[in-house]
N, C-alpha and C. Protein backbone atom coordinates (compact mmCIF):
# COMPACT_ATOMS: atom_id res chain seq x y z
N UNK A 1 0.69 29.60 4.83
CA UNK A 1 1.43 28.35 4.89
C UNK A 1 1.42 27.84 6.33
N UNK A 2 1.13 26.58 6.50
CA UNK A 2 1.07 26.03 7.84
C UNK A 2 2.47 25.77 8.38
N UNK A 3 2.58 25.76 9.68
CA UNK A 3 3.85 25.50 10.34
C UNK A 3 4.14 24.01 10.30
N UNK A 4 5.36 23.67 9.97
CA UNK A 4 5.75 22.26 9.92
C UNK A 4 5.91 21.73 11.34
N UNK A 5 5.33 20.58 11.59
CA UNK A 5 5.35 20.00 12.93
C UNK A 5 6.54 19.07 13.16
N UNK A 6 7.00 18.37 12.14
CA UNK A 6 8.08 17.41 12.35
C UNK A 6 9.38 18.07 12.83
N UNK A 7 9.79 19.22 12.28
CA UNK A 7 10.97 19.88 12.84
C UNK A 7 10.76 20.31 14.30
N UNK A 8 9.53 20.68 14.63
CA UNK A 8 9.23 21.04 16.02
C UNK A 8 9.30 19.82 16.93
N UNK A 9 8.80 18.69 16.43
CA UNK A 9 8.88 17.45 17.22
C UNK A 9 10.34 17.08 17.45
N UNK A 10 11.13 17.18 16.40
CA UNK A 10 12.55 16.87 16.49
C UNK A 10 13.26 17.77 17.49
N UNK A 11 12.85 19.03 17.54
CA UNK A 11 13.46 20.00 18.45
C UNK A 11 12.90 19.91 19.87
N UNK A 12 11.89 19.09 20.07
CA UNK A 12 11.32 18.93 21.40
C UNK A 12 10.38 20.06 21.81
N UNK A 13 9.78 20.74 20.85
CA UNK A 13 8.86 21.85 21.16
C UNK A 13 7.63 21.28 21.87
N UNK A 14 7.31 21.83 23.04
CA UNK A 14 6.14 21.34 23.79
C UNK A 14 4.86 21.46 22.96
N UNK A 15 4.06 20.41 22.96
CA UNK A 15 2.78 20.40 22.27
C UNK A 15 2.84 20.01 20.81
N UNK A 16 4.04 19.94 20.23
CA UNK A 16 4.14 19.63 18.80
C UNK A 16 3.66 18.21 18.50
N UNK A 17 4.07 17.25 19.33
CA UNK A 17 3.66 15.87 19.08
C UNK A 17 2.15 15.71 19.26
N UNK A 18 1.58 16.40 20.25
CA UNK A 18 0.14 16.32 20.48
C UNK A 18 -0.62 16.90 19.29
N UNK A 19 -0.13 18.00 18.74
CA UNK A 19 -0.75 18.60 17.56
C UNK A 19 -0.66 17.66 16.37
N UNK A 20 0.51 17.07 16.18
CA UNK A 20 0.72 16.13 15.08
C UNK A 20 -0.22 14.94 15.22
N UNK A 21 -0.28 14.37 16.41
CA UNK A 21 -1.14 13.21 16.66
C UNK A 21 -2.59 13.57 16.38
N UNK A 22 -3.02 14.73 16.86
CA UNK A 22 -4.40 15.16 16.62
C UNK A 22 -4.70 15.36 15.14
N UNK A 23 -3.72 15.82 14.41
CA UNK A 23 -3.92 16.11 12.99
C UNK A 23 -3.91 14.85 12.12
N UNK A 24 -3.10 13.86 12.48
CA UNK A 24 -2.89 12.73 11.57
C UNK A 24 -3.35 11.36 12.06
N UNK A 25 -3.82 11.23 13.27
CA UNK A 25 -4.20 9.92 13.79
C UNK A 25 -5.27 9.25 12.95
N UNK A 26 -6.31 9.98 12.56
CA UNK A 26 -7.38 9.38 11.78
C UNK A 26 -6.88 8.89 10.41
N UNK A 27 -5.97 9.64 9.81
CA UNK A 27 -5.41 9.23 8.52
C UNK A 27 -4.64 7.92 8.67
N UNK A 28 -3.81 7.85 9.70
CA UNK A 28 -3.01 6.64 9.94
C UNK A 28 -3.93 5.47 10.27
N UNK A 29 -4.91 5.70 11.13
CA UNK A 29 -5.80 4.61 11.52
C UNK A 29 -6.58 4.08 10.32
N UNK A 30 -7.00 4.96 9.43
CA UNK A 30 -7.72 4.53 8.23
C UNK A 30 -6.86 3.63 7.37
N UNK A 31 -5.61 4.00 7.19
CA UNK A 31 -4.68 3.16 6.42
C UNK A 31 -4.43 1.84 7.15
N UNK A 32 -4.20 1.92 8.45
CA UNK A 32 -3.93 0.72 9.25
C UNK A 32 -5.12 -0.23 9.21
N UNK A 33 -6.30 0.30 9.21
CA UNK A 33 -7.51 -0.54 9.21
C UNK A 33 -7.60 -1.37 7.93
N UNK A 34 -7.10 -0.83 6.82
CA UNK A 34 -7.11 -1.57 5.56
C UNK A 34 -6.11 -2.72 5.59
N UNK A 35 -5.04 -2.57 6.35
CA UNK A 35 -3.98 -3.59 6.42
C UNK A 35 -4.26 -4.63 7.50
N UNK A 36 -4.90 -4.23 8.58
CA UNK A 36 -5.03 -5.07 9.77
C UNK A 36 -6.33 -5.85 9.78
N UNK A 37 -6.29 -6.99 10.48
CA UNK A 37 -7.45 -7.87 10.54
C UNK A 37 -8.53 -7.38 11.48
N UNK A 38 -8.16 -6.59 12.46
CA UNK A 38 -9.15 -6.12 13.44
C UNK A 38 -8.87 -4.67 13.82
N UNK A 39 -9.86 -4.06 14.43
CA UNK A 39 -9.71 -2.67 14.88
C UNK A 39 -8.61 -2.57 15.95
N UNK A 40 -8.50 -3.59 16.78
CA UNK A 40 -7.48 -3.59 17.82
C UNK A 40 -6.07 -3.61 17.21
N UNK A 41 -5.89 -4.45 16.18
CA UNK A 41 -4.60 -4.48 15.49
C UNK A 41 -4.30 -3.14 14.84
N UNK A 42 -5.33 -2.51 14.28
CA UNK A 42 -5.15 -1.20 13.63
C UNK A 42 -4.75 -0.15 14.66
N UNK A 43 -5.34 -0.22 15.85
CA UNK A 43 -4.97 0.72 16.92
C UNK A 43 -3.52 0.52 17.34
N UNK A 44 -3.11 -0.75 17.50
CA UNK A 44 -1.72 -1.04 17.85
C UNK A 44 -0.77 -0.54 16.77
N UNK A 45 -1.13 -0.80 15.52
CA UNK A 45 -0.29 -0.37 14.40
C UNK A 45 -0.20 1.15 14.35
N UNK A 46 -1.31 1.82 14.58
CA UNK A 46 -1.32 3.29 14.58
C UNK A 46 -0.37 3.82 15.64
N UNK A 47 -0.41 3.23 16.81
CA UNK A 47 0.47 3.65 17.89
C UNK A 47 1.94 3.41 17.53
N UNK A 48 2.24 2.26 16.96
CA UNK A 48 3.62 1.96 16.54
C UNK A 48 4.10 2.97 15.50
N UNK A 49 3.23 3.32 14.56
CA UNK A 49 3.59 4.27 13.50
C UNK A 49 3.87 5.64 14.11
N UNK A 50 3.02 6.08 15.03
CA UNK A 50 3.24 7.40 15.65
C UNK A 50 4.55 7.43 16.44
N UNK A 51 4.88 6.34 17.11
CA UNK A 51 6.15 6.28 17.83
C UNK A 51 7.31 6.34 16.85
N UNK A 52 7.19 5.62 15.73
CA UNK A 52 8.25 5.65 14.71
C UNK A 52 8.41 7.04 14.11
N UNK A 53 7.31 7.73 13.87
CA UNK A 53 7.39 9.10 13.34
C UNK A 53 8.10 9.99 14.36
N UNK A 54 7.77 9.84 15.63
CA UNK A 54 8.42 10.63 16.67
C UNK A 54 9.93 10.37 16.68
N UNK A 55 10.31 9.09 16.57
CA UNK A 55 11.73 8.74 16.56
C UNK A 55 12.44 9.22 15.30
N UNK A 56 11.71 9.29 14.19
CA UNK A 56 12.32 9.62 12.89
C UNK A 56 12.14 11.07 12.49
N UNK A 57 11.52 11.88 13.32
CA UNK A 57 11.21 13.27 12.96
C UNK A 57 12.46 14.04 12.52
N UNK A 58 13.60 13.71 13.09
CA UNK A 58 14.85 14.42 12.75
C UNK A 58 15.29 14.16 11.30
N UNK A 59 14.78 13.08 10.69
CA UNK A 59 15.14 12.75 9.31
C UNK A 59 14.28 13.47 8.28
N UNK A 60 13.22 14.14 8.71
CA UNK A 60 12.32 14.80 7.78
C UNK A 60 13.02 15.93 7.04
N UNK A 61 12.84 15.96 5.72
CA UNK A 61 13.41 17.00 4.87
C UNK A 61 12.26 17.60 4.07
N UNK A 62 11.93 18.85 4.36
CA UNK A 62 10.80 19.51 3.71
C UNK A 62 10.99 19.64 2.21
N UNK A 63 12.23 19.64 1.74
CA UNK A 63 12.46 19.75 0.30
C UNK A 63 12.18 18.44 -0.43
N UNK A 64 12.13 17.34 0.31
CA UNK A 64 11.90 16.03 -0.31
C UNK A 64 10.41 15.69 -0.40
N UNK A 65 9.58 16.36 0.36
CA UNK A 65 8.14 16.07 0.34
C UNK A 65 7.44 16.63 1.54
N UNK A 66 6.14 16.50 1.53
CA UNK A 66 5.32 17.02 2.62
C UNK A 66 5.42 16.14 3.86
N UNK A 67 4.94 16.66 4.95
CA UNK A 67 4.91 15.86 6.18
C UNK A 67 4.00 14.65 6.00
N UNK A 68 2.90 14.84 5.27
CA UNK A 68 1.98 13.73 5.04
C UNK A 68 2.68 12.62 4.24
N UNK A 69 3.46 12.99 3.24
CA UNK A 69 4.19 11.99 2.46
C UNK A 69 5.18 11.25 3.34
N UNK A 70 5.92 11.97 4.17
CA UNK A 70 6.87 11.37 5.11
C UNK A 70 6.13 10.39 6.03
N UNK A 71 5.02 10.84 6.58
CA UNK A 71 4.23 10.03 7.49
C UNK A 71 3.71 8.77 6.80
N UNK A 72 3.13 8.93 5.60
CA UNK A 72 2.54 7.80 4.90
C UNK A 72 3.61 6.79 4.45
N UNK A 73 4.81 7.27 4.15
CA UNK A 73 5.90 6.37 3.80
C UNK A 73 6.25 5.49 5.00
N UNK A 74 6.40 6.12 6.15
CA UNK A 74 6.69 5.36 7.37
C UNK A 74 5.54 4.40 7.68
N UNK A 75 4.31 4.90 7.58
CA UNK A 75 3.14 4.08 7.90
C UNK A 75 3.06 2.86 6.98
N UNK A 76 3.23 3.08 5.69
CA UNK A 76 3.13 1.98 4.74
C UNK A 76 4.20 0.93 5.01
N UNK A 77 5.42 1.38 5.26
CA UNK A 77 6.51 0.43 5.54
C UNK A 77 6.24 -0.36 6.80
N UNK A 78 5.81 0.33 7.83
CA UNK A 78 5.51 -0.36 9.10
C UNK A 78 4.39 -1.38 8.93
N UNK A 79 3.35 -0.98 8.18
CA UNK A 79 2.20 -1.87 8.00
C UNK A 79 2.56 -3.08 7.14
N UNK A 80 3.38 -2.88 6.13
CA UNK A 80 3.82 -4.01 5.31
C UNK A 80 4.67 -4.96 6.15
N UNK A 81 5.59 -4.41 6.94
CA UNK A 81 6.41 -5.24 7.82
C UNK A 81 5.54 -6.01 8.81
N UNK A 82 4.56 -5.33 9.37
CA UNK A 82 3.66 -5.96 10.35
C UNK A 82 2.88 -7.10 9.70
N UNK A 83 2.38 -6.86 8.49
CA UNK A 83 1.62 -7.88 7.77
C UNK A 83 2.50 -9.09 7.47
N UNK A 84 3.73 -8.83 7.05
CA UNK A 84 4.65 -9.94 6.76
C UNK A 84 4.95 -10.75 8.01
N UNK A 85 5.18 -10.06 9.13
CA UNK A 85 5.45 -10.77 10.39
C UNK A 85 4.27 -11.65 10.78
N UNK A 86 3.08 -11.10 10.66
CA UNK A 86 1.89 -11.86 11.05
C UNK A 86 1.62 -13.03 10.11
N UNK A 87 1.93 -12.85 8.82
CA UNK A 87 1.68 -13.94 7.89
C UNK A 87 2.66 -15.09 8.08
N UNK A 88 3.83 -14.81 8.65
CA UNK A 88 4.81 -15.87 8.93
C UNK A 88 4.40 -16.72 10.11
N UNK A 89 3.60 -16.15 10.98
CA UNK A 89 3.16 -16.88 12.18
C UNK A 89 1.87 -17.62 11.87
N UNK A 90 1.96 -18.88 11.58
CA UNK A 90 0.77 -19.66 11.30
C UNK A 90 0.21 -20.17 12.62
N UNK A 91 -1.08 -19.99 12.84
CA UNK A 91 -1.67 -20.48 14.09
C UNK A 91 -1.45 -21.98 14.27
N UNK A 92 -1.20 -22.39 15.49
CA UNK A 92 -0.90 -23.78 15.79
C UNK A 92 -2.04 -24.70 15.38
N UNK A 93 -3.29 -24.26 15.55
CA UNK A 93 -4.42 -25.12 15.20
C UNK A 93 -4.47 -25.39 13.69
N UNK A 94 -3.95 -24.48 12.88
CA UNK A 94 -3.91 -24.71 11.44
C UNK A 94 -2.82 -25.70 11.07
N UNK A 95 -1.74 -25.73 11.81
CA UNK A 95 -0.65 -26.66 11.52
C UNK A 95 -1.12 -28.10 11.60
N UNK A 96 -2.02 -28.40 12.52
CA UNK A 96 -2.51 -29.77 12.69
C UNK A 96 -3.32 -30.23 11.49
N UNK A 97 -3.93 -29.28 10.75
CA UNK A 97 -4.78 -29.63 9.61
C UNK A 97 -4.01 -29.82 8.32
N UNK A 98 -2.71 -29.50 8.29
CA UNK A 98 -1.95 -29.57 7.05
C UNK A 98 -1.42 -30.98 6.83
N UNK A 99 -1.71 -31.50 5.65
CA UNK A 99 -1.18 -32.79 5.23
C UNK A 99 0.10 -32.50 4.44
N UNK A 100 1.29 -32.87 4.94
CA UNK A 100 2.53 -32.54 4.25
C UNK A 100 2.63 -33.11 2.84
N UNK A 101 1.92 -34.22 2.57
CA UNK A 101 1.95 -34.81 1.24
C UNK A 101 1.10 -34.04 0.24
N UNK A 102 0.06 -33.34 0.71
CA UNK A 102 -0.85 -32.61 -0.15
C UNK A 102 -1.32 -31.35 0.59
N UNK A 103 -0.54 -30.26 0.56
CA UNK A 103 -0.83 -29.09 1.36
C UNK A 103 -2.19 -28.46 1.12
N UNK A 104 -2.66 -28.37 -0.11
CA UNK A 104 -3.98 -27.81 -0.39
C UNK A 104 -4.50 -28.45 -1.66
N UNK A 105 -5.36 -29.45 -1.50
CA UNK A 105 -5.83 -30.18 -2.67
C UNK A 105 -6.67 -29.31 -3.62
N UNK A 106 -7.19 -28.20 -3.17
CA UNK A 106 -8.04 -27.35 -4.00
C UNK A 106 -7.27 -26.45 -4.96
N UNK A 107 -5.95 -26.40 -4.85
CA UNK A 107 -5.16 -25.51 -5.68
C UNK A 107 -4.37 -26.33 -6.70
N UNK A 108 -4.50 -25.95 -7.95
CA UNK A 108 -3.70 -26.56 -9.02
C UNK A 108 -2.46 -25.68 -9.17
N UNK A 109 -1.36 -26.09 -8.55
CA UNK A 109 -0.16 -25.26 -8.49
C UNK A 109 0.46 -25.04 -9.87
N UNK A 110 0.35 -25.99 -10.75
CA UNK A 110 0.90 -25.84 -12.10
C UNK A 110 0.12 -24.76 -12.85
N UNK A 111 -1.20 -24.83 -12.77
CA UNK A 111 -2.04 -23.84 -13.44
C UNK A 111 -1.82 -22.45 -12.84
N UNK A 112 -1.71 -22.38 -11.53
CA UNK A 112 -1.47 -21.10 -10.88
C UNK A 112 -0.13 -20.52 -11.32
N UNK A 113 0.88 -21.36 -11.41
CA UNK A 113 2.20 -20.91 -11.86
C UNK A 113 2.14 -20.39 -13.28
N UNK A 114 1.39 -21.08 -14.16
CA UNK A 114 1.23 -20.62 -15.54
C UNK A 114 0.52 -19.27 -15.59
N UNK A 115 -0.52 -19.10 -14.78
CA UNK A 115 -1.26 -17.83 -14.74
C UNK A 115 -0.37 -16.68 -14.29
N UNK A 116 0.46 -16.95 -13.29
CA UNK A 116 1.38 -15.92 -12.79
C UNK A 116 2.37 -15.53 -13.87
N UNK A 117 2.91 -16.51 -14.57
CA UNK A 117 3.87 -16.24 -15.65
C UNK A 117 3.21 -15.43 -16.77
N UNK A 118 1.96 -15.77 -17.13
CA UNK A 118 1.24 -15.01 -18.16
C UNK A 118 1.01 -13.57 -17.71
N UNK A 119 0.63 -13.39 -16.46
CA UNK A 119 0.37 -12.04 -15.94
C UNK A 119 1.65 -11.21 -15.94
N UNK A 120 2.77 -11.81 -15.54
CA UNK A 120 4.04 -11.09 -15.54
C UNK A 120 4.46 -10.71 -16.95
N UNK A 121 4.27 -11.61 -17.90
CA UNK A 121 4.62 -11.32 -19.29
C UNK A 121 3.74 -10.21 -19.84
N UNK A 122 2.45 -10.26 -19.53
CA UNK A 122 1.52 -9.23 -20.00
C UNK A 122 1.87 -7.88 -19.37
N UNK A 123 2.23 -7.87 -18.12
CA UNK A 123 2.59 -6.63 -17.42
C UNK A 123 3.79 -5.96 -18.09
N UNK A 124 4.72 -6.75 -18.58
CA UNK A 124 5.90 -6.21 -19.24
C UNK A 124 5.57 -5.61 -20.61
N UNK A 125 4.43 -5.96 -21.18
CA UNK A 125 4.03 -5.44 -22.47
C UNK A 125 3.27 -4.13 -22.39
N UNK A 126 2.92 -3.72 -21.19
CA UNK A 126 2.19 -2.46 -21.01
C UNK A 126 3.11 -1.27 -21.23
N UNK A 127 2.51 -0.11 -21.43
CA UNK A 127 3.29 1.11 -21.49
C UNK A 127 3.95 1.29 -20.12
N UNK A 128 5.16 1.85 -20.08
CA UNK A 128 5.90 1.95 -18.81
C UNK A 128 5.12 2.62 -17.69
N UNK A 129 4.40 3.70 -18.00
CA UNK A 129 3.67 4.39 -16.94
C UNK A 129 2.53 3.54 -16.40
N UNK A 130 1.92 2.71 -17.26
CA UNK A 130 0.84 1.84 -16.80
C UNK A 130 1.39 0.72 -15.93
N UNK A 131 2.46 0.09 -16.37
CA UNK A 131 3.01 -1.02 -15.58
C UNK A 131 3.56 -0.51 -14.25
N UNK A 132 4.16 0.69 -14.25
CA UNK A 132 4.70 1.24 -13.01
C UNK A 132 3.58 1.48 -11.99
N UNK A 133 2.48 2.09 -12.43
CA UNK A 133 1.36 2.36 -11.53
C UNK A 133 0.76 1.05 -11.01
N UNK A 134 0.59 0.07 -11.89
CA UNK A 134 0.01 -1.21 -11.46
C UNK A 134 0.94 -1.95 -10.51
N UNK A 135 2.23 -1.92 -10.76
CA UNK A 135 3.17 -2.59 -9.86
C UNK A 135 3.18 -1.93 -8.48
N UNK A 136 3.17 -0.60 -8.45
CA UNK A 136 3.15 0.09 -7.16
C UNK A 136 1.86 -0.22 -6.40
N UNK A 137 0.79 -0.34 -7.13
CA UNK A 137 -0.50 -0.62 -6.50
C UNK A 137 -0.60 -2.08 -6.05
N UNK A 138 -0.31 -3.00 -6.96
CA UNK A 138 -0.50 -4.42 -6.66
C UNK A 138 0.62 -5.02 -5.83
N UNK A 139 1.85 -4.72 -6.18
CA UNK A 139 2.99 -5.31 -5.49
C UNK A 139 3.28 -4.62 -4.15
N UNK A 140 3.24 -3.27 -4.17
CA UNK A 140 3.62 -2.51 -2.98
C UNK A 140 2.43 -2.10 -2.12
N UNK A 141 1.22 -2.28 -2.63
CA UNK A 141 0.03 -1.96 -1.84
C UNK A 141 -0.25 -0.48 -1.69
N UNK A 142 0.27 0.34 -2.59
CA UNK A 142 0.02 1.78 -2.51
C UNK A 142 -1.35 2.12 -3.08
N UNK A 143 -1.98 3.13 -2.52
CA UNK A 143 -3.23 3.63 -3.06
C UNK A 143 -2.91 4.57 -4.23
N UNK A 144 -3.91 4.90 -5.02
CA UNK A 144 -3.70 5.83 -6.12
C UNK A 144 -3.19 7.17 -5.59
N UNK A 145 -3.73 7.62 -4.48
CA UNK A 145 -3.31 8.88 -3.87
C UNK A 145 -1.83 8.82 -3.47
N UNK A 146 -1.40 7.72 -2.89
CA UNK A 146 0.00 7.57 -2.48
C UNK A 146 0.92 7.52 -3.70
N UNK A 147 0.47 6.85 -4.76
CA UNK A 147 1.27 6.79 -5.98
C UNK A 147 1.41 8.18 -6.57
N UNK A 148 0.30 8.93 -6.60
CA UNK A 148 0.33 10.29 -7.14
C UNK A 148 1.31 11.15 -6.35
N UNK A 149 1.27 11.04 -5.02
CA UNK A 149 2.19 11.83 -4.18
C UNK A 149 3.63 11.38 -4.38
N UNK A 150 3.83 10.08 -4.44
CA UNK A 150 5.18 9.52 -4.58
C UNK A 150 5.81 9.89 -5.93
N UNK A 151 5.03 9.85 -6.98
CA UNK A 151 5.55 10.08 -8.33
C UNK A 151 5.38 11.51 -8.81
N UNK A 152 4.69 12.35 -8.03
CA UNK A 152 4.48 13.74 -8.43
C UNK A 152 3.55 13.87 -9.62
N UNK A 153 2.56 12.98 -9.70
CA UNK A 153 1.60 13.00 -10.80
C UNK A 153 0.23 13.41 -10.28
N UNK A 154 -0.60 14.00 -11.14
CA UNK A 154 -1.98 14.27 -10.72
C UNK A 154 -2.72 12.95 -10.45
N UNK A 155 -3.62 12.96 -9.48
CA UNK A 155 -4.36 11.76 -9.11
C UNK A 155 -5.12 11.20 -10.31
N UNK A 156 -5.72 12.05 -11.11
CA UNK A 156 -6.47 11.60 -12.28
C UNK A 156 -5.59 10.86 -13.27
N UNK A 157 -4.37 11.31 -13.43
CA UNK A 157 -3.43 10.64 -14.34
C UNK A 157 -3.10 9.24 -13.83
N UNK A 158 -2.87 9.12 -12.53
CA UNK A 158 -2.57 7.82 -11.93
C UNK A 158 -3.76 6.88 -12.14
N UNK A 159 -4.97 7.37 -11.90
CA UNK A 159 -6.16 6.53 -12.08
C UNK A 159 -6.32 6.11 -13.54
N UNK A 160 -6.05 7.02 -14.46
CA UNK A 160 -6.15 6.69 -15.88
C UNK A 160 -5.13 5.63 -16.27
N UNK A 161 -3.90 5.78 -15.80
CA UNK A 161 -2.87 4.77 -16.10
C UNK A 161 -3.28 3.41 -15.55
N UNK A 162 -3.81 3.39 -14.34
CA UNK A 162 -4.23 2.12 -13.72
C UNK A 162 -5.38 1.50 -14.52
N UNK A 163 -6.37 2.30 -14.85
CA UNK A 163 -7.55 1.81 -15.56
C UNK A 163 -7.17 1.28 -16.94
N UNK A 164 -6.42 2.06 -17.69
CA UNK A 164 -6.02 1.64 -19.04
C UNK A 164 -5.09 0.42 -18.98
N UNK A 165 -4.23 0.38 -17.97
CA UNK A 165 -3.34 -0.76 -17.80
C UNK A 165 -4.10 -2.04 -17.51
N UNK A 166 -5.12 -1.95 -16.65
CA UNK A 166 -5.93 -3.14 -16.34
C UNK A 166 -6.71 -3.62 -17.56
N UNK A 167 -7.25 -2.67 -18.33
CA UNK A 167 -7.98 -3.04 -19.55
C UNK A 167 -7.04 -3.76 -20.52
N UNK A 168 -5.85 -3.19 -20.69
CA UNK A 168 -4.87 -3.79 -21.61
C UNK A 168 -4.41 -5.17 -21.10
N UNK A 169 -4.20 -5.31 -19.78
CA UNK A 169 -3.82 -6.61 -19.22
C UNK A 169 -4.86 -7.67 -19.53
N UNK A 170 -6.13 -7.32 -19.36
CA UNK A 170 -7.20 -8.27 -19.65
C UNK A 170 -7.14 -8.70 -21.12
N UNK A 171 -6.91 -7.74 -22.01
CA UNK A 171 -6.81 -8.05 -23.44
C UNK A 171 -5.63 -8.99 -23.69
N UNK A 172 -4.47 -8.65 -23.14
CA UNK A 172 -3.26 -9.44 -23.36
C UNK A 172 -3.39 -10.86 -22.82
N UNK A 173 -4.14 -11.01 -21.75
CA UNK A 173 -4.30 -12.33 -21.14
C UNK A 173 -5.48 -13.10 -21.72
N UNK A 174 -6.19 -12.47 -22.68
CA UNK A 174 -7.31 -13.15 -23.32
C UNK A 174 -8.53 -13.29 -22.44
N UNK A 175 -8.69 -12.38 -21.49
CA UNK A 175 -9.84 -12.41 -20.59
C UNK A 175 -10.96 -11.53 -21.14
N UNK A 176 -12.21 -11.88 -20.87
CA UNK A 176 -13.30 -11.04 -21.36
C UNK A 176 -13.29 -9.68 -20.66
N UNK A 177 -13.82 -8.65 -21.33
CA UNK A 177 -13.87 -7.33 -20.69
C UNK A 177 -14.70 -7.38 -19.42
N UNK A 178 -14.30 -6.59 -18.43
CA UNK A 178 -15.00 -6.60 -17.15
C UNK A 178 -15.95 -5.43 -17.00
N UNK A 179 -16.12 -4.65 -18.04
CA UNK A 179 -16.97 -3.47 -17.93
C UNK A 179 -16.16 -2.23 -17.67
N UNK A 180 -14.83 -2.39 -17.43
CA UNK A 180 -13.98 -1.23 -17.17
C UNK A 180 -13.95 -0.28 -18.36
N UNK A 181 -13.96 -0.85 -19.57
CA UNK A 181 -13.82 0.00 -20.76
C UNK A 181 -15.11 0.74 -21.08
N UNK A 182 -16.22 0.33 -20.49
CA UNK A 182 -17.50 0.98 -20.78
C UNK A 182 -17.80 2.10 -19.81
N UNK A 183 -17.05 2.20 -18.75
CA UNK A 183 -17.27 3.21 -17.73
C UNK A 183 -16.66 4.52 -18.18
N UNK A 184 -17.44 5.63 -18.17
CA UNK A 184 -16.84 6.90 -18.56
C UNK A 184 -15.82 7.35 -17.53
N UNK A 185 -14.83 8.07 -17.99
CA UNK A 185 -13.80 8.56 -17.08
C UNK A 185 -14.38 9.61 -16.15
N UNK A 186 -13.98 9.55 -14.89
CA UNK A 186 -14.43 10.53 -13.90
C UNK A 186 -13.22 11.20 -13.29
N UNK A 187 -12.53 12.01 -14.04
CA UNK A 187 -11.32 12.67 -13.55
C UNK A 187 -11.65 14.10 -13.21
């Protein structure tokens, strides 16, 4: 069994934070790169996440989950917050291009609203485990691996729920099959 690093970080053990950083930086950066627009933003986000883990190490409870789960929870929250902050800041040059009378002539807002309502209704008709996996993935941005860790399910089960849920959603919404149902399972 490996030695837990977060309690050591919390206790101020010399070298614990360096070991933690060496062990998990690539994992955090990979996740950050998926959320961020550039490698520089991902590097900044990775650094912010590591600082937050250092500050929050005292809250880690080994009975509640692994260090990786604790880390990924903090990372995901930080990255979602960062993405929301950045999306609120519209570049000034884009503001000049917006016509207040017609914000985006290419979007049919009524049709989009109808599509969203249909998708929400279809999602409610899925089996609970399928809708839960799809909501965590689509709404919260979790990967299948993160959902499996969060829910205590095997990764293959999470993937099956997601796949079957998407197939059923397409059926409920009257969309043609996308080839998902013809692909053999690879669990």
